[in-house]
Amino acid sequence: MREEALRNILGQLNATSADIQASAVISTDGLMMASLLPQGLDQDRMGAMSAALLSLGSRVARELDRGTPEQVLVKGDNGYVLMLQAGNDAVLTVLASTQAKLGLIFLDAKRAAASMAQVL
């Protein structure tokens, strides 16, 4: 039931913008909880990398006295990877295209993460 609720939230998030190509909610230890990923994208790899990057982002923020990180953003030639904390034990990861309107995606992802935190 929890996985279904999380998948519904991911579906609503993905529907907000054609520029969102994939999304997933992953435990902080890297286990996939729910996802809407394109075929061919390895969900185990995505889970492990998301957990590692969020952990590193948290360490950087702490070590440089920036407080608790709200999000981690990676920009690449083929688009963006956005990660937000979804409660204490999970992270929302969103893959977006290079044309994405990041302000809107940040807003929608933040709302989705808050909804996920309530489910979790």
C-alpha atoms as a PDB file:
ATOM      1  CA  MET A   1       0.000   0.000   0.000  1.00  0.00           C
ATOM      2  CA  ARG A   2       2.837   2.408   0.852  1.00  0.00           C
ATOM      3  CA  GLU A   3       4.589   1.682  -2.452  1.00  0.00           C
ATOM      4  CA  GLU A   4       1.333   2.331  -4.328  1.00  0.00           C
ATOM      5  CA  ALA A   5       0.862   5.671  -2.544  1.00  0.00           C
ATOM      6  CA  LEU A   6       4.440   6.663  -3.375  1.00  0.00           C
ATOM      7  CA  ARG A   7       3.992   5.646  -7.024  1.00  0.00           C
ATOM      8  CA  ASN A   8       0.830   7.780  -7.185  1.00  0.00           C
ATOM      9  CA  ILE A   9       2.762  10.792  -5.901  1.00  0.00           C
ATOM     10  CA  LEU A  10       5.517  10.114  -8.462  1.00  0.00           C
ATOM     11  CA  GLY A  11       2.891   9.854 -11.210  1.00  0.00           C
ATOM     12  CA  GLN A  12       1.382  13.189 -10.220  1.00  0.00           C
ATOM     13  CA  LEU A  13       4.849  14.762 -10.140  1.00  0.00           C
ATOM     14  CA  ASN A  14       5.809  13.401 -13.569  1.00  0.00           C
ATOM     15  CA  ALA A  15       2.511  14.684 -14.987  1.00  0.00           C
ATOM     16  CA  THR A  16       3.281  18.271 -13.917  1.00  0.00           C
ATOM     17  CA  SER A  17       5.934  18.733 -16.610  1.00  0.00           C
ATOM     18  CA  ALA A  18       6.887  17.047 -19.859  1.00  0.00           C
ATOM     19  CA  ASP A  19      10.472  17.915 -18.925  1.00  0.00           C
ATOM     20  CA  ILE A  20      10.447  15.427 -16.031  1.00  0.00           C
ATOM     21  CA  GLN A  21      11.810  12.251 -17.560  1.00  0.00           C
ATOM     22  CA  ALA A  22      11.905  10.016 -14.473  1.00  0.00           C
ATOM     23  CA  SER A  23      11.454  10.080 -10.731  1.00  0.00           C
ATOM     24  CA  ALA A  24      12.035   7.783  -7.800  1.00  0.00           C
ATOM     25  CA  VAL A  25      11.868   7.703  -4.033  1.00  0.00           C
ATOM     26  CA  ILE A  26      14.848   5.959  -2.500  1.00  0.00           C
ATOM     27  CA  SER A  27      15.733   5.101   1.082  1.00  0.00           C
ATOM     28  CA  THR A  28      18.756   6.912   2.475  1.00  0.00           C
ATOM     29  CA  ASP A  29      20.638   3.612   2.367  1.00  0.00           C
ATOM     30  CA  GLY A  30      20.028   3.328  -1.389  1.00  0.00           C
ATOM     31  CA  LEU A  31      17.084   0.935  -1.666  1.00  0.00           C
ATOM     32  CA  MET A  32      14.432   1.777  -4.255  1.00  0.00           C
ATOM     33  CA  MET A  33      11.058   2.319  -2.570  1.00  0.00           C
ATOM     34  CA  ALA A  34       9.068   3.320  -5.677  1.00  0.00           C
ATOM     35  CA  SER A  35       9.970   4.580  -9.121  1.00  0.00           C
ATOM     36  CA  LEU A  36       8.769   5.686 -12.531  1.00  0.00           C
ATOM     37  CA  LEU A  37      11.879   5.155 -14.636  1.00  0.00           C
ATOM     38  CA  PRO A  38      12.363   4.722 -18.376  1.00  0.00           C
ATOM     39  CA  GLN A  39      13.220   1.273 -19.630  1.00  0.00           C
ATOM     40  CA  GLY A  40      16.942   0.600 -19.537  1.00  0.00           C
ATOM     41  CA  LEU A  41      17.683   2.751 -16.492  1.00  0.00           C
ATOM     42  CA  ASP A  42      19.115   0.530 -13.742  1.00  0.00           C
ATOM     43  CA  GLN A  43      17.097   1.284 -10.619  1.00  0.00           C
ATOM     44  CA  ASP A  44      19.658  -0.317  -8.289  1.00  0.00           C
ATOM     45  CA  ARG A  45      22.409   1.899  -9.673  1.00  0.00           C
ATOM     46  CA  MET A  46      20.182   4.977  -9.459  1.00  0.00           C
ATOM     47  CA  GLY A  47      19.334   4.137  -5.856  1.00  0.00           C
ATOM     48  CA  ALA A  48      22.930   3.659  -4.808  1.00  0.00           C
ATOM     49  CA  MET A  49      24.140   6.822  -6.545  1.00  0.00           C
ATOM     50  CA  SER A  50      21.304   8.926  -5.120  1.00  0.00           C
ATOM     51  CA  ALA A  51      22.043   7.784  -1.583  1.00  0.00           C
ATOM     52  CA  ALA A  52      25.778   8.378  -2.031  1.00  0.00           C
ATOM     53  CA  LEU A  53      25.309  11.853  -3.496  1.00  0.00           C
ATOM     54  CA  LEU A  54      22.828  12.911  -0.832  1.00  0.00           C
ATOM     55  CA  SER A  55      25.199  11.685   1.865  1.00  0.00           C
ATOM     56  CA  LEU A  56      28.085  13.589   0.302  1.00  0.00           C
ATOM     57  CA  GLY A  57      25.941  16.725  -0.065  1.00  0.00           C
ATOM     58  CA  SER A  58      25.011  16.502   3.613  1.00  0.00           C
ATOM     59  CA  ARG A  59      28.648  16.147   4.599  1.00  0.00           C
ATOM     60  CA  VAL A  60      29.702  19.110   2.440  1.00  0.00           C
ATOM     61  CA  ALA A  61      26.948  21.297   3.917  1.00  0.00           C
ATOM     62  CA  ARG A  62      27.905  20.280   7.456  1.00  0.00           C
ATOM     63  CA  GLU A  63      31.667  20.684   6.955  1.00  0.00           C
ATOM     64  CA  LEU A  64      31.260  24.097   5.308  1.00  0.00           C
ATOM     65  CA  ASP A  65      28.753  25.258   7.919  1.00  0.00           C
ATOM     66  CA  ARG A  66      25.855  25.555   5.447  1.00  0.00           C
ATOM     67  CA  GLY A  67      23.282  23.786   7.613  1.00  0.00           C
ATOM     68  CA  THR A  68      20.990  20.993   6.526  1.00  0.00           C
ATOM     69  CA  PRO A  69      20.873  20.622   2.733  1.00  0.00           C
ATOM     70  CA  GLU A  70      17.469  21.062   1.127  1.00  0.00           C
ATOM     71  CA  GLN A  71      18.434  19.800  -2.306  1.00  0.00           C
ATOM     72  CA  VAL A  72      21.277  18.540  -4.458  1.00  0.00           C
ATOM     73  CA  LEU A  73      21.355  19.508  -8.133  1.00  0.00           C
ATOM     74  CA  VAL A  74      23.602  18.042 -10.810  1.00  0.00           C
ATOM     75  CA  LYS A  75      23.590  19.621 -14.267  1.00  0.00           C
ATOM     76  CA  GLY A  76      24.907  17.579 -17.163  1.00  0.00           C
ATOM     77  CA  ASP A  77      25.003  17.887 -20.940  1.00  0.00           C
ATOM     78  CA  ASN A  78      21.814  15.810 -21.197  1.00  0.00           C
ATOM     79  CA  GLY A  79      19.810  17.312 -18.357  1.00  0.00           C
ATOM     80  CA  TYR A  80      19.484  17.593 -14.607  1.00  0.00           C
ATOM     81  CA  VAL A  81      19.380  15.326 -11.585  1.00  0.00           C
ATOM     82  CA  LEU A  82      17.576  16.868  -8.624  1.00  0.00           C
ATOM     83  CA  MET A  83      17.486  15.267  -5.186  1.00  0.00           C
ATOM     84  CA  LEU A  84      15.421  16.382  -2.210  1.00  0.00           C
ATOM     85  CA  GLN A  85      15.001  14.880   1.223  1.00  0.00           C
ATOM     86  CA  ALA A  86      11.598  13.184   1.560  1.00  0.00           C
ATOM     87  CA  GLY A  87      11.219  12.749   5.287  1.00  0.00           C
ATOM     88  CA  ASN A  88      14.046  11.540   7.490  1.00  0.00           C
ATOM     89  CA  ASP A  89      14.744   8.263   5.721  1.00  0.00           C
ATOM     90  CA  ALA A  90      14.169   8.836   1.997  1.00  0.00           C
ATOM     91  CA  VAL A  91      15.198  10.979  -0.938  1.00  0.00           C
ATOM     92  CA  LEU A  92      13.209  12.025  -4.010  1.00  0.00           C
ATOM     93  CA  THR A  93      15.304  11.913  -7.178  1.00  0.00           C
ATOM     94  CA  VAL A  94      14.042  13.599 -10.352  1.00  0.00           C
ATOM     95  CA  LEU A  95      15.617  13.450 -13.812  1.00  0.00           C
ATOM     96  CA  ALA A  96      14.758  16.421 -16.030  1.00  0.00           C
ATOM     97  CA  SER A  97      15.611  17.510 -19.555  1.00  0.00           C
ATOM     98  CA  THR A  98      17.984  20.328 -20.442  1.00  0.00           C
ATOM     99  CA  GLN A  99      15.004  22.550 -21.370  1.00  0.00           C
ATOM    100  CA  ALA A 100      13.383  22.124 -17.951  1.00  0.00           C
ATOM    101  CA  LYS A 101      12.051  25.167 -16.144  1.00  0.00           C
ATOM    102  CA  LEU A 102      13.880  24.425 -12.920  1.00  0.00           C
ATOM    103  CA  GLY A 103      11.913  26.818 -10.730  1.00  0.00           C
ATOM    104  CA  LEU A 104       8.671  24.985 -11.445  1.00  0.00           C
ATOM    105  CA  ILE A 105      10.277  21.572 -11.108  1.00  0.00           C
ATOM    106  CA  PHE A 106      11.819  22.569  -7.745  1.00  0.00           C
ATOM    107  CA  LEU A 107       8.407  23.708  -6.519  1.00  0.00           C
ATOM    108  CA  ASP A 108       6.579  20.572  -7.709  1.00  0.00           C
ATOM    109  CA  ALA A 109       9.325  18.274  -6.402  1.00  0.00           C
ATOM    110  CA  LYS A 110       9.276  19.980  -3.007  1.00  0.00           C
ATOM    111  CA  ARG A 111       5.519  19.443  -2.775  1.00  0.00           C
ATOM    112  CA  ALA A 112       5.893  15.807  -3.811  1.00  0.00           C
ATOM    113  CA  ALA A 113       8.650  15.258  -1.223  1.00  0.00           C
ATOM    114  CA  ALA A 114       6.412  16.714   1.500  1.00  0.00           C
ATOM    115  CA  SER A 115       3.582  14.365   0.461  1.00  0.00           C
ATOM    116  CA  MET A 116       6.002  11.424   0.506  1.00  0.00           C
ATOM    117  CA  ALA A 117       7.197  12.348   3.993  1.00  0.00           C
ATOM    118  CA  GLN A 118       3.588  12.051   5.210  1.00  0.00           C
ATOM    119  CA  VAL A 119       3.250   8.593   3.617  1.00  0.00           C
ATOM    120  CA  LEU A 120       6.530   7.417   5.081  1.00  0.00           C
END
